């Protein structure tokens, strides 16, 4: 059977807007049915992996005819199950997300003082190992079930690159991952993103050419929602979707 449906997942860079978001625009350009969105703002990658797998297990007929796009969030967002889905309508819990029996919350590394105080915790390496585990878990899931897919970075991630991590990094399928490698200024770019709600200065990135993430792309090209808000504007969503579309077509992912 040919591919008919499109499933998208990610964070706030992927959620539904009053216009077509990046996943929805990509699905339109691929001539697929209207995109099914599982994205949730402010959430991390454990939620992305779990909800994506659960959606397929809840919809087993879709294994054979669905293309998936994943916009990875920050490695420093740590997800937890917050409780059962409330019966009454709740802001932010709608569409396909409401169909899950549980919902997720998240905390961020820099919000937890115990991490910085504990000398036994190497948080940069821990978050990198966790992120590779997330990516490879879905990569193996998709390949095992023969599900066509594309991954990309919604937010920038600075990945540690030595020791055991090298083997995990090498295992990521670059054909199915748009702009996987870090940009030269990734540390600066992440700092700017993390600080964007704390000041009114315009959000910019020093990249001259290559961008790792959707965030870097909209900041570099001034396609932001606002000067101090690096979430994409409508044009920022649609131009990034065009880049993803060309990667899908050039690599014959669908």
Foldseek 3Di string as FASTA:
>chain_A
DEAAAEEEEEAPQADDDPDQFLRQLLCVVVVHDGYQYPYAHPAALVVVLVVVVVVCVVVVVNLVHYEYEYAHEELQKDKDWPFFQDPDDDPRQDGPNSVDRTDMDIDGPVVDPVQVVDPVDPPQQVSQVVVLVSQVSVVCVCVVSVHQYAYAHAAFYDHDDDDPSVVSVVPHDVLRYPQQDADPQRVVLNVLQVCLVVDDAFRAGPDDDDHRHLLNVCRPVVQAPDRSGSRGDPVSRNVVSVVVSVSCVVSVSD
